[in-house]
Amino acid sequence: YYPTPASLIREMLKRVDLDTVKTILEPSAGKGNIIKAIRKHEEGYNRHKFDIDTVEVSPELRHILKGENIRVVHDDFLTFHTLKRYDLVIMNPPFSAADRHVLKAFDMVRGGGTLIAVVNAETVRNPSTNARKEVLQRLAAFDGEITYIQNAFSHAENASNVEIALITVKIPEHNPDSFILDYMRKAQE
């Protein structure tokens, strides 16, 4: 468990316009460092309240989140299922399964939304598994941005000198074709 340091959270939040965000998901929320930073933004601007959901596998950390009045909607992100889609999915998943967490997160972002993820740099540099290859394919398909950062966790609560990759992907708006709408257009013609 490596809580996201404040300096990295600031870097993550620079990559999204929170004024356009309503719904937020933080999988693997830990103690809620990222959500607490977002709430400070919310308090500072006082424009609207965010609809924030979190997922956390550790019972102890879920207890901390609930004590901070942070909504926990599920325990294991990889088994989390919902029809809800989010304007922002922002995450620092376990590095050992980051590829699978990022793939799942892609499916949780609504069209026009943003995915921001902190992963071990090896996840994107070394496509040694099918999941890592698929992450790279999706990043390419959506014109995702990868920024490598050395020593982002060197002064963190649980210090580590691991190099990370900060992934930012803006998912384009998608207007699915409707069978009914197509039928109505043809009928009108």
Protein backbone atom coordinates (compact mmCIF):
# COMPACT_ATOMS: atom_id res chain seq x y z
CA TYR A 1 0.00 0.00 0.00
CA TYR A 2 1.58 3.25 -1.22
CA PRO A 3 -0.57 6.31 -0.44
CA THR A 4 -0.39 8.95 -3.16
CA PRO A 5 1.84 11.85 -2.05
CA ALA A 6 0.43 15.39 -2.17
CA SER A 7 2.91 16.55 -4.85
CA LEU A 8 1.80 13.74 -7.17
CA ILE A 9 -1.87 14.46 -6.50
CA ARG A 10 -1.31 18.11 -7.49
CA GLU A 11 0.30 16.90 -10.74
CA MET A 12 -2.65 14.58 -11.39
CA LEU A 13 -5.21 17.31 -10.78
CA LYS A 14 -3.45 19.71 -13.17
CA ARG A 15 -4.52 17.36 -15.95
CA VAL A 16 -8.26 17.80 -15.53
CA ASP A 17 -10.64 20.76 -15.37
CA LEU A 18 -12.57 19.94 -12.20
CA ASP A 19 -15.12 22.66 -13.02
CA THR A 20 -16.47 20.37 -15.77
CA VAL A 21 -16.58 17.27 -13.57
CA LYS A 22 -19.64 16.03 -11.70
CA THR A 23 -19.06 12.30 -11.14
CA ILE A 24 -15.78 10.88 -9.83
CA LEU A 25 -14.56 7.36 -9.14
CA GLU A 26 -11.41 6.52 -7.23
CA PRO A 27 -10.70 2.79 -7.32
CA SER A 28 -8.19 1.55 -4.72
CA ALA A 29 -8.86 4.67 -2.69
CA GLY A 30 -6.63 3.80 0.27
CA LYS A 31 -7.12 6.43 2.98
CA GLY A 32 -8.65 8.85 0.47
CA ASN A 33 -5.72 11.21 -0.16
CA ILE A 34 -6.83 11.95 -3.72
CA ILE A 35 -10.48 12.44 -2.78
CA LYS A 36 -9.54 14.74 0.11
CA ALA A 37 -7.55 16.92 -2.31
CA ILE A 38 -10.52 17.04 -4.69
CA ARG A 39 -12.80 18.00 -1.80
CA LYS A 40 -10.50 20.93 -0.99
CA HIS A 41 -11.00 22.10 -4.58
CA GLU A 42 -14.74 21.66 -4.12
CA GLU A 43 -14.72 23.77 -0.95
CA GLY A 44 -12.50 26.44 -2.51
CA TYR A 45 -14.77 27.04 -5.49
CA ASN A 46 -18.09 26.13 -3.91
CA ARG A 47 -19.67 25.86 -7.37
CA HIS A 48 -21.07 22.37 -7.16
CA LYS A 49 -20.73 19.22 -5.13
CA PHE A 50 -19.03 16.26 -6.71
CA ASP A 51 -20.73 12.87 -6.79
CA ILE A 52 -17.80 10.78 -5.55
CA ASP A 53 -17.62 6.98 -5.36
CA THR A 54 -14.66 5.01 -4.05
CA VAL A 55 -13.66 1.37 -4.07
CA GLU A 56 -11.24 -0.12 -1.54
CA VAL A 57 -10.36 -3.76 -0.88
CA SER A 58 -8.88 -3.34 2.63
CA PRO A 59 -11.49 -3.46 5.43
CA GLU A 60 -9.31 -1.21 7.60
CA LEU A 61 -8.96 1.41 4.88
CA ARG A 62 -12.69 1.21 4.04
CA HIS A 63 -13.36 1.97 7.70
CA ILE A 64 -11.08 5.04 7.49
CA LEU A 65 -12.83 6.23 4.32
CA LYS A 66 -16.26 5.87 5.88
CA GLY A 67 -15.01 7.73 8.96
CA GLU A 68 -14.03 10.60 6.64
CA ASN A 69 -17.58 10.53 5.19
CA ILE A 70 -16.31 9.21 1.84
CA ARG A 71 -18.76 6.90 0.05
CA VAL A 72 -17.43 3.38 -0.53
CA VAL A 73 -19.45 1.50 -3.16
CA HIS A 74 -17.52 -1.78 -3.41
CA ASP A 75 -14.49 -3.62 -2.11
CA ASP A 76 -12.62 -5.11 -5.11
CA PHE A 77 -12.44 -2.89 -8.18
CA LEU A 78 -11.84 -5.82 -10.52
CA THR A 79 -15.23 -7.31 -9.50
CA PHE A 80 -17.08 -3.95 -9.37
CA HIS A 81 -20.00 -3.72 -11.81
CA THR A 82 -22.21 -0.70 -12.37
CA LEU A 83 -24.05 0.99 -15.20
CA LYS A 84 -22.86 4.36 -13.92
CA ARG A 85 -20.12 6.06 -15.94
CA TYR A 86 -17.87 8.77 -14.53
CA ASP A 87 -16.59 12.14 -15.72
CA LEU A 88 -13.30 11.38 -13.95
CA VAL A 89 -11.67 8.13 -12.90
CA ILE A 90 -8.54 9.00 -10.95
CA MET A 91 -6.42 6.24 -9.49
CA ASN A 92 -3.25 4.90 -7.94
CA PRO A 93 -3.93 1.16 -8.28
CA PRO A 94 -1.76 -1.63 -6.88
CA PHE A 95 1.28 -1.74 -9.17
CA SER A 96 1.14 -5.55 -9.32
CA ALA A 97 -2.24 -5.42 -11.10
CA ALA A 98 -2.16 -1.92 -12.56
CA ASP A 99 -2.68 -3.12 -16.13
CA ARG A 100 -5.95 -4.87 -15.27
CA HIS A 101 -7.12 -1.93 -13.14
CA VAL A 102 -6.45 0.57 -15.94
CA LEU A 103 -8.28 -1.61 -18.48
CA LYS A 104 -11.29 -1.79 -16.17
CA ALA A 105 -11.11 1.98 -15.59
CA PHE A 106 -11.30 2.67 -19.35
CA ASP A 107 -14.75 1.10 -19.30
CA MET A 108 -15.88 3.24 -16.36
CA VAL A 109 -15.22 6.64 -17.99
CA ARG A 110 -18.10 8.23 -19.88
CA GLY A 111 -17.58 9.84 -23.27
CA GLY A 112 -16.06 13.26 -22.71
CA GLY A 113 -14.53 12.12 -19.41
CA THR A 114 -10.95 11.69 -18.24
CA LEU A 115 -8.91 8.79 -16.88
CA ILE A 116 -5.84 9.60 -14.79
CA ALA A 117 -3.76 6.72 -13.43
CA VAL A 118 -0.45 6.29 -11.63
CA VAL A 119 1.25 3.04 -12.58
CA ASN A 120 4.70 1.54 -12.33
CA ALA A 121 6.63 2.69 -15.42
CA GLU A 122 7.25 -0.94 -16.34
CA THR A 123 3.53 -1.40 -16.93
CA VAL A 124 3.76 0.71 -20.09
CA ARG A 125 7.44 0.27 -20.96
CA ASN A 126 7.40 -3.52 -20.87
CA PRO A 127 4.32 -4.90 -22.64
CA SER A 128 5.06 -8.46 -21.48
CA THR A 129 1.43 -9.49 -20.90
CA ASN A 130 -1.71 -9.31 -22.99
CA ALA A 131 -3.24 -6.86 -20.51
CA ARG A 132 -0.26 -4.49 -20.82
CA LYS A 133 -0.42 -4.73 -24.61
CA GLU A 134 -4.11 -3.86 -24.50
CA VAL A 135 -3.42 -0.86 -22.23
CA LEU A 136 -0.92 0.44 -24.80
CA GLN A 137 -3.39 -0.17 -27.66
CA ARG A 138 -6.11 1.79 -25.87
CA LEU A 139 -3.71 4.59 -25.00
CA ALA A 140 -2.78 4.84 -28.68
CA ALA A 141 -6.42 4.67 -29.80
CA PHE A 142 -7.44 7.54 -27.49
CA ASP A 143 -4.26 9.58 -27.92
CA GLY A 144 -3.38 9.08 -24.27
CA GLU A 145 -0.49 10.87 -22.64
CA ILE A 146 2.21 9.13 -20.60
CA THR A 147 4.53 11.14 -18.37
CA TYR A 148 7.38 9.33 -16.63
CA ILE A 149 8.29 10.61 -13.18
CA GLN A 150 11.35 9.58 -11.18
CA ASN A 151 11.19 9.38 -7.39
CA ALA A 152 7.53 10.46 -7.09
CA PHE A 153 7.25 8.31 -3.98
CA SER A 154 10.72 9.01 -2.53
CA HIS A 155 9.32 11.27 0.22
CA ALA A 156 5.92 9.57 0.53
CA GLU A 157 4.37 7.95 3.57
CA ASN A 158 5.72 4.60 2.31
CA ALA A 159 8.85 5.73 0.49
CA SER A 160 9.99 4.06 -2.72
CA ASN A 161 12.31 5.10 -5.54
CA VAL A 162 10.22 3.37 -8.19
CA GLU A 163 9.76 5.23 -11.46
CA ILE A 164 6.13 5.79 -12.28
CA ALA A 165 4.13 6.56 -15.38
CA LEU A 166 1.33 9.07 -15.08
CA ILE A 167 -1.33 8.18 -17.64
CA THR A 168 -3.87 10.75 -18.80
CA VAL A 169 -6.58 9.87 -21.30
CA LYS A 170 -9.45 12.05 -22.43
CA ILE A 171 -12.19 9.79 -23.74
CA PRO A 172 -13.94 11.39 -26.75
CA GLU A 173 -17.67 12.03 -26.72
CA HIS A 174 -19.58 9.17 -28.24
CA ASN A 175 -23.05 9.52 -29.65
CA PRO A 176 -24.20 5.97 -30.24
CA ASP A 177 -26.52 5.41 -33.14
CA SER A 178 -30.01 4.53 -32.04
CA PHE A 179 -32.10 1.97 -33.87
CA ILE A 180 -35.23 3.99 -33.11
CA LEU A 181 -33.64 7.26 -34.24
CA ASP A 182 -32.46 5.64 -37.48
CA TYR A 183 -35.97 4.26 -38.06
CA MET A 184 -37.53 7.69 -37.47
CA ARG A 185 -35.06 9.35 -39.90
CA LYS A 186 -35.85 6.78 -42.59
CA ALA A 187 -39.58 7.17 -41.98
CA GLN A 188 -39.29 10.94 -42.29
CA GLU A 189 -37.36 10.64 -45.57
